[in-house]
Amino acid sequence: MTITNRQRLQWYLDAEQKILMQQSVETAEGEKLTFASLATVRREIERLQALIARESQGGRRSMIRRNYLE
């Protein structure tokens, strides 16, 4: 099963919540994320949000450009 960017984003949002409640989170690779990892988790959340936003706008922008050029 392929994990989508939205599923990955939800995992990081859940991980951020647990970290803020001072719980540790374990990744699929066995790495433990703690409060010290919070900045890394937030950067990944921002990266995934931007990626998802670009994906959702990509179809429309391509269509607008194509119609403009015709």
PDB file of N, CA and C in Angstrom:
ATOM      1  N   MET A   1       0.844  -1.191   0.000  1.00  0.00           N
ATOM      2  CA  MET A   1       0.000   0.000   0.000  1.00  0.00           C
ATOM      3  C   MET A   1       0.885   1.250   0.000  1.00  0.00           C
ATOM      4  N   THR A   2       0.573   2.172  -0.863  1.00  0.00           N
ATOM      5  CA  THR A   2       1.316   3.417  -0.952  1.00  0.00           C
ATOM      6  C   THR A   2       0.728   4.436   0.020  1.00  0.00           C
ATOM      7  N   ILE A   3       1.609   5.070   0.777  1.00  0.00           N
ATOM      8  CA  ILE A   3       1.153   6.090   1.724  1.00  0.00           C
ATOM      9  C   ILE A   3       1.094   7.426   0.986  1.00  0.00           C
ATOM     10  N   THR A   4      -0.036   8.111   1.096  1.00  0.00           N
ATOM     11  CA  THR A   4      -0.191   9.394   0.419  1.00  0.00           C
ATOM     12  C   THR A   4       0.429  10.504   1.262  1.00  0.00           C
ATOM     13  N   ASN A   5       0.644  11.640   0.643  1.00  0.00           N
ATOM     14  CA  ASN A   5       1.178  12.798   1.371  1.00  0.00           C
ATOM     15  C   ASN A   5       0.213  13.236   2.470  1.00  0.00           C
ATOM     16  N   ARG A   6      -1.079  13.114   2.215  1.00  0.00           N
ATOM     17  CA  ARG A   6      -2.069  13.488   3.236  1.00  0.00           C
ATOM     18  C   ARG A   6      -1.987  12.554   4.447  1.00  0.00           C
ATOM     19  N   GLN A   7      -1.790  11.257   4.204  1.00  0.00           N
ATOM     20  CA  GLN A   7      -1.643  10.308   5.316  1.00  0.00           C
ATOM     21  C   GLN A   7      -0.361  10.586   6.088  1.00  0.00           C
ATOM     22  N   ARG A   8       0.691  10.876   5.365  1.00  0.00           N
ATOM     23  CA  ARG A   8       1.972  11.194   6.004  1.00  0.00           C
ATOM     24  C   ARG A   8       1.829  12.467   6.856  1.00  0.00           C
ATOM     25  N   LEU A   9       1.145  13.482   6.307  1.00  0.00           N
ATOM     26  CA  LEU A   9       0.910  14.722   7.044  1.00  0.00           C
ATOM     27  C   LEU A   9       0.132  14.434   8.326  1.00  0.00           C
ATOM     28  N   GLN A  10      -0.908  13.603   8.241  1.00  0.00           N
ATOM     29  CA  GLN A  10      -1.706  13.291   9.420  1.00  0.00           C
ATOM     30  C   GLN A  10      -0.860  12.597  10.480  1.00  0.00           C
ATOM     31  N   TRP A  11       0.047  11.707  10.058  1.00  0.00           N
ATOM     32  CA  TRP A  11       0.926  11.031  11.010  1.00  0.00           C
ATOM     33  C   TRP A  11       1.793  12.056  11.741  1.00  0.00           C
ATOM     34  N   TYR A  12       2.353  13.005  10.993  1.00  0.00           N
ATOM     35  CA  TYR A  12       3.209  14.029  11.618  1.00  0.00           C
ATOM     36  C   TYR A  12       2.399  14.949  12.529  1.00  0.00           C
ATOM     37  N   LEU A  13       1.171  15.278  12.148  1.00  0.00           N
ATOM     38  CA  LEU A  13       0.330  16.107  13.019  1.00  0.00           C
ATOM     39  C   LEU A  13       0.027  15.366  14.325  1.00  0.00           C
ATOM     40  N   ASP A  14      -0.270  14.073  14.214  1.00  0.00           N
ATOM     41  CA  ASP A  14      -0.513  13.261  15.412  1.00  0.00           C
ATOM     42  C   ASP A  14       0.749  13.174  16.269  1.00  0.00           C
ATOM     43  N   ALA A  15       1.891  12.994  15.614  1.00  0.00           N
ATOM     44  CA  ALA A  15       3.169  12.906  16.333  1.00  0.00           C
ATOM     45  C   ALA A  15       3.446  14.214  17.065  1.00  0.00           C
ATOM     46  N   GLU A  16       3.184  15.350  16.401  1.00  0.00           N
ATOM     47  CA  GLU A  16       3.397  16.654  17.035  1.00  0.00           C
ATOM     48  C   GLU A  16       2.545  16.774  18.296  1.00  0.00           C
ATOM     49  N   GLN A  17       1.284  16.353  18.209  1.00  0.00           N
ATOM     50  CA  GLN A  17       0.377  16.410  19.361  1.00  0.00           C
ATOM     51  C   GLN A  17       0.928  15.586  20.511  1.00  0.00           C
ATOM     52  N   LYS A  18       1.368  14.363  20.222  1.00  0.00           N
ATOM     53  CA  LYS A  18       1.900  13.490  21.274  1.00  0.00           C
ATOM     54  C   LYS A  18       3.161  14.079  21.891  1.00  0.00           C
ATOM     55  N   ILE A  19       4.027  14.638  21.049  1.00  0.00           N
ATOM     56  CA  ILE A  19       5.267  15.241  21.550  1.00  0.00           C
ATOM     57  C   ILE A  19       4.946  16.410  22.474  1.00  0.00           C
ATOM     58  N   LEU A  20       3.960  17.228  22.089  1.00  0.00           N
ATOM     59  CA  LEU A  20       3.572  18.359  22.918  1.00  0.00           C
ATOM     60  C   LEU A  20       2.985  17.899  24.253  1.00  0.00           C
ATOM     61  N   MET A  21       2.438  16.694  24.282  1.00  0.00           N
ATOM     62  CA  MET A  21       1.912  16.134  25.529  1.00  0.00           C
ATOM     63  C   MET A  21       3.013  15.340  26.252  1.00  0.00           C
ATOM     64  N   GLN A  22       4.245  15.552  25.820  1.00  0.00           N
ATOM     65  CA  GLN A  22       5.448  14.958  26.401  1.00  0.00           C
ATOM     66  C   GLN A  22       5.471  13.433  26.322  1.00  0.00           C
ATOM     67  N   GLN A  23       4.917  12.918  25.241  1.00  0.00           N
ATOM     68  CA  GLN A  23       5.000  11.489  24.953  1.00  0.00           C
ATOM     69  C   GLN A  23       6.016  11.305  23.839  1.00  0.00           C
ATOM     70  N   SER A  24       6.699  10.182  23.827  1.00  0.00           N
ATOM     71  CA  SER A  24       7.610   9.934  22.714  1.00  0.00           C
ATOM     72  C   SER A  24       6.856   9.186  21.624  1.00  0.00           C
ATOM     73  N   VAL A  25       7.314   9.342  20.410  1.00  0.00           N
ATOM     74  CA  VAL A  25       6.695   8.725  19.243  1.00  0.00           C
ATOM     75  C   VAL A  25       7.778   7.924  18.538  1.00  0.00           C
ATOM     76  N   GLU A  26       7.419   6.747  18.058  1.00  0.00           N
ATOM     77  CA  GLU A  26       8.391   5.933  17.345  1.00  0.00           C
ATOM     78  C   GLU A  26       8.027   5.887  15.871  1.00  0.00           C
ATOM     79  N   THR A  27       9.029   6.134  15.010  1.00  0.00           N
ATOM     80  CA  THR A  27       8.809   6.096  13.562  1.00  0.00           C
ATOM     81  C   THR A  27       8.812   4.648  13.088  1.00  0.00           C
ATOM     82  N   ALA A  28       8.452   4.456  11.837  1.00  0.00           N
ATOM     83  CA  ALA A  28       8.464   3.118  11.244  1.00  0.00           C
ATOM     84  C   ALA A  28       9.876   2.529  11.248  1.00  0.00           C
ATOM     85  N   GLU A  29      10.880   3.401  11.221  1.00  0.00           N
ATOM     86  CA  GLU A  29      12.274   2.948  11.224  1.00  0.00           C
ATOM     87  C   GLU A  29      12.788   2.679  12.635  1.00  0.00           C
ATOM     88  N   GLY A  30      11.946   2.879  13.653  1.00  0.00           N
ATOM     89  CA  GLY A  30      12.344   2.623  15.033  1.00  0.00           C
ATOM     90  C   GLY A  30      12.990   3.809  15.730  1.00  0.00           C
ATOM     91  N   GLU A  31      13.020   4.967  15.063  1.00  0.00           N
ATOM     92  CA  GLU A  31      13.602   6.171  15.670  1.00  0.00           C
ATOM     93  C   GLU A  31      12.596   6.772  16.648  1.00  0.00           C
ATOM     94  N   LYS A  32      13.073   7.162  17.820  1.00  0.00           N
ATOM     95  CA  LYS A  32      12.199   7.798  18.810  1.00  0.00           C
ATOM     96  C   LYS A  32      12.230   9.311  18.624  1.00  0.00           C
ATOM     97  N   LEU A  33      11.051   9.897  18.522  1.00  0.00           N
ATOM     98  CA  LEU A  33      10.924  11.348  18.418  1.00  0.00           C
ATOM     99  C   LEU A  33      10.464  11.863  19.776  1.00  0.00           C
ATOM    100  N   THR A  34      11.176  12.848  20.289  1.00  0.00           N
ATOM    101  CA  THR A  34      10.840  13.452  21.581  1.00  0.00           C
ATOM    102  C   THR A  34      10.728  14.956  21.386  1.00  0.00           C
ATOM    103  N   PHE A  35      10.633  15.693  22.491  1.00  0.00           N
ATOM    104  CA  PHE A  35      10.520  17.149  22.415  1.00  0.00           C
ATOM    105  C   PHE A  35      11.687  17.757  21.634  1.00  0.00           C
ATOM    106  N   ALA A  36      12.851  17.128  21.727  1.00  0.00           N
ATOM    107  CA  ALA A  36      14.022  17.619  20.994  1.00  0.00           C
ATOM    108  C   ALA A  36      13.821  17.511  19.484  1.00  0.00           C
ATOM    109  N   SER A  37      12.911  16.653  19.038  1.00  0.00           N
ATOM    110  CA  SER A  37      12.649  16.443  17.613  1.00  0.00           C
ATOM    111  C   SER A  37      11.537  17.340  17.084  1.00  0.00           C
ATOM    112  N   LEU A  38      10.953  18.165  17.938  1.00  0.00           N
ATOM    113  CA  LEU A  38       9.770  18.940  17.563  1.00  0.00           C
ATOM    114  C   LEU A  38      10.020  19.845  16.358  1.00  0.00           C
ATOM    115  N   ALA A  39      11.154  20.508  16.295  1.00  0.00           N
ATOM    116  CA  ALA A  39      11.444  21.402  15.164  1.00  0.00           C
ATOM    117  C   ALA A  39      11.487  20.612  13.857  1.00  0.00           C
ATOM    118  N   THR A  40      12.059  19.427  13.896  1.00  0.00           N
ATOM    119  CA  THR A  40      12.133  18.582  12.700  1.00  0.00           C
ATOM    120  C   THR A  40      10.735  18.153  12.263  1.00  0.00           C
ATOM    121  N   VAL A  41       9.900  17.778  13.218  1.00  0.00           N
ATOM    122  CA  VAL A  41       8.522  17.368  12.923  1.00  0.00           C
ATOM    123  C   VAL A  41       7.754  18.535  12.306  1.00  0.00           C
ATOM    124  N   ARG A  42       7.923  19.724  12.862  1.00  0.00           N
ATOM    125  CA  ARG A  42       7.205  20.901  12.333  1.00  0.00           C
ATOM    126  C   ARG A  42       7.671  21.264  10.928  1.00  0.00           C
ATOM    127  N   ARG A  43       8.964  21.134  10.664  1.00  0.00           N
ATOM    128  CA  ARG A  43       9.469  21.400   9.304  1.00  0.00           C
ATOM    129  C   ARG A  43       8.851  20.423   8.308  1.00  0.00           C
ATOM    130  N   GLU A  44       8.742  19.163   8.698  1.00  0.00           N
ATOM    131  CA  GLU A  44       8.153  18.159   7.813  1.00  0.00           C
ATOM    132  C   GLU A  44       6.668  18.441   7.587  1.00  0.00           C
ATOM    133  N   ILE A  45       5.969  18.900   8.621  1.00  0.00           N
ATOM    134  CA  ILE A  45       4.557  19.275   8.473  1.00  0.00           C
ATOM    135  C   ILE A  45       4.430  20.410   7.465  1.00  0.00           C
ATOM    136  N   GLU A  46       5.260  21.436   7.600  1.00  0.00           N
ATOM    137  CA  GLU A  46       5.219  22.571   6.667  1.00  0.00           C
ATOM    138  C   GLU A  46       5.546  22.132   5.244  1.00  0.00           C
ATOM    139  N   ARG A  47       6.534  21.247   5.099  1.00  0.00           N
ATOM    140  CA  ARG A  47       6.922  20.765   3.772  1.00  0.00           C
ATOM    141  C   ARG A  47       5.767  19.992   3.126  1.00  0.00           C
ATOM    142  N   LEU A  48       5.133  19.114   3.907  1.00  0.00           N
ATOM    143  CA  LEU A  48       4.026  18.314   3.369  1.00  0.00           C
ATOM    144  C   LEU A  48       2.814  19.184   3.052  1.00  0.00           C
ATOM    145  N   GLN A  49       2.528  20.175   3.891  1.00  0.00           N
ATOM    146  CA  GLN A  49       1.401  21.077   3.609  1.00  0.00           C
ATOM    147  C   GLN A  49       1.631  21.838   2.307  1.00  0.00           C
ATOM    148  N   ALA A  50       2.857  22.309   2.097  1.00  0.00           N
ATOM    149  CA  ALA A  50       3.177  23.030   0.860  1.00  0.00           C
ATOM    150  C   ALA A  50       3.062  22.095  -0.338  1.00  0.00           C
ATOM    151  N   LEU A  51       3.542  20.870  -0.190  1.00  0.00           N
ATOM    152  CA  LEU A  51       3.485  19.891  -1.276  1.00  0.00           C
ATOM    153  C   LEU A  51       2.042  19.567  -1.641  1.00  0.00           C
ATOM    154  N   ILE A  52       1.204  19.363  -0.640  1.00  0.00           N
ATOM    155  CA  ILE A  52      -0.209  19.066  -0.883  1.00  0.00           C
ATOM    156  C   ILE A  52      -0.897  20.262  -1.540  1.00  0.00           C
ATOM    157  N   ALA A  53      -0.568  21.470  -1.100  1.00  0.00           N
ATOM    158  CA  ALA A  53      -1.157  22.679  -1.701  1.00  0.00           C
ATOM    159  C   ALA A  53      -0.762  22.785  -3.173  1.00  0.00           C
ATOM    160  N   ARG A  54       0.506  22.520  -3.473  1.00  0.00           N
ATOM    161  CA  ARG A  54       0.960  22.571  -4.873  1.00  0.00           C
ATOM    162  C   ARG A  54       0.270  21.506  -5.709  1.00  0.00           C
ATOM    163  N   GLU A  55       0.087  20.310  -5.141  1.00  0.00           N
ATOM    164  CA  GLU A  55      -0.590  19.238  -5.877  1.00  0.00           C
ATOM    165  C   GLU A  55      -2.029  19.631  -6.198  1.00  0.00           C
ATOM    166  N   SER A  56      -2.712  20.234  -5.235  1.00  0.00           N
ATOM    167  CA  SER A  56      -4.115  20.582  -5.458  1.00  0.00           C
ATOM    168  C   SER A  56      -4.257  21.743  -6.436  1.00  0.00           C
ATOM    169  N   GLN A  57      -3.267  22.624  -6.506  1.00  0.00           N
ATOM    170  CA  GLN A  57      -3.333  23.754  -7.439  1.00  0.00           C
ATOM    171  C   GLN A  57      -2.731  23.415  -8.794  1.00  0.00           C
ATOM    172  N   GLY A  58      -1.909  22.409  -8.850  1.00  0.00           N
ATOM    173  CA  GLY A  58      -1.196  22.062 -10.074  1.00  0.00           C
ATOM    174  C   GLY A  58      -2.110  21.823 -11.257  1.00  0.00           C
ATOM    175  N   GLY A  59      -3.181  21.070 -11.034  1.00  0.00           N
ATOM    176  CA  GLY A  59      -4.104  20.774 -12.123  1.00  0.00           C
ATOM    177  C   GLY A  59      -4.745  22.025 -12.677  1.00  0.00           C
ATOM    178  N   ARG A  60      -5.166  22.915 -11.801  1.00  0.00           N
ATOM    179  CA  ARG A  60      -5.820  24.143 -12.247  1.00  0.00           C
ATOM    180  C   ARG A  60      -4.850  25.060 -12.966  1.00  0.00           C
ATOM    181  N   ARG A  61      -3.653  25.221 -12.426  1.00  0.00           N
ATOM    182  CA  ARG A  61      -2.681  26.106 -13.061  1.00  0.00           C
ATOM    183  C   ARG A  61      -2.295  25.607 -14.441  1.00  0.00           C
ATOM    184  N   SER A  62      -2.118  24.299 -14.565  1.00  0.00           N
ATOM    185  CA  SER A  62      -1.761  23.738 -15.864  1.00  0.00           C
ATOM    186  C   SER A  62      -2.862  24.013 -16.873  1.00  0.00           C
ATOM    187  N   MET A  63      -4.104  23.852 -16.440  1.00  0.00           N
ATOM    188  CA  MET A  63      -5.230  24.061 -17.334  1.00  0.00           C
ATOM    189  C   MET A  63      -5.317  25.536 -17.732  1.00  0.00           C
ATOM    190  N   ILE A  64      -5.131  26.436 -16.801  1.00  0.00           N
ATOM    191  CA  ILE A  64      -5.201  27.870 -17.099  1.00  0.00           C
ATOM    192  C   ILE A  64      -4.106  28.240 -18.091  1.00  0.00           C
ATOM    193  N   ARG A  65      -2.884  27.777 -17.858  1.00  0.00           N
ATOM    194  CA  ARG A  65      -1.799  28.077 -18.779  1.00  0.00           C
ATOM    195  C   ARG A  65      -2.091  27.533 -20.165  1.00  0.00           C
ATOM    196  N   ARG A  66      -2.581  26.301 -20.226  1.00  0.00           N
ATOM    197  CA  ARG A  66      -2.847  25.678 -21.512  1.00  0.00           C
ATOM    198  C   ARG A  66      -3.935  26.461 -22.252  1.00  0.00           C
ATOM    199  N   ASN A  67      -5.012  26.862 -21.553  1.00  0.00           N
ATOM    200  CA  ASN A  67      -6.088  27.623 -22.201  1.00  0.00           C
ATOM    201  C   ASN A  67      -5.593  28.995 -22.652  1.00  0.00           C
ATOM    202  N   TYR A  68      -4.731  29.601 -21.860  1.00  0.00           N
ATOM    203  CA  TYR A  68      -4.216  30.926 -22.209  1.00  0.00           C
ATOM    204  C   TYR A  68      -3.375  30.860 -23.476  1.00  0.00           C
ATOM    205  N   LEU A  69      -2.618  29.792 -23.629  1.00  0.00           N
ATOM    206  CA  LEU A  69      -1.725  29.666 -24.780  1.00  0.00           C
ATOM    207  C   LEU A  69      -2.469  29.293 -26.056  1.00  0.00           C
ATOM    208  N   GLU A  70      -3.663  28.711 -25.937  1.00  0.00           N
ATOM    209  CA  GLU A  70      -4.398  28.300 -27.133  1.00  0.00           C
ATOM    210  C   GLU A  70      -5.044  29.448 -27.856  1.00  0.00           C
TER     211      GLU A  70
END
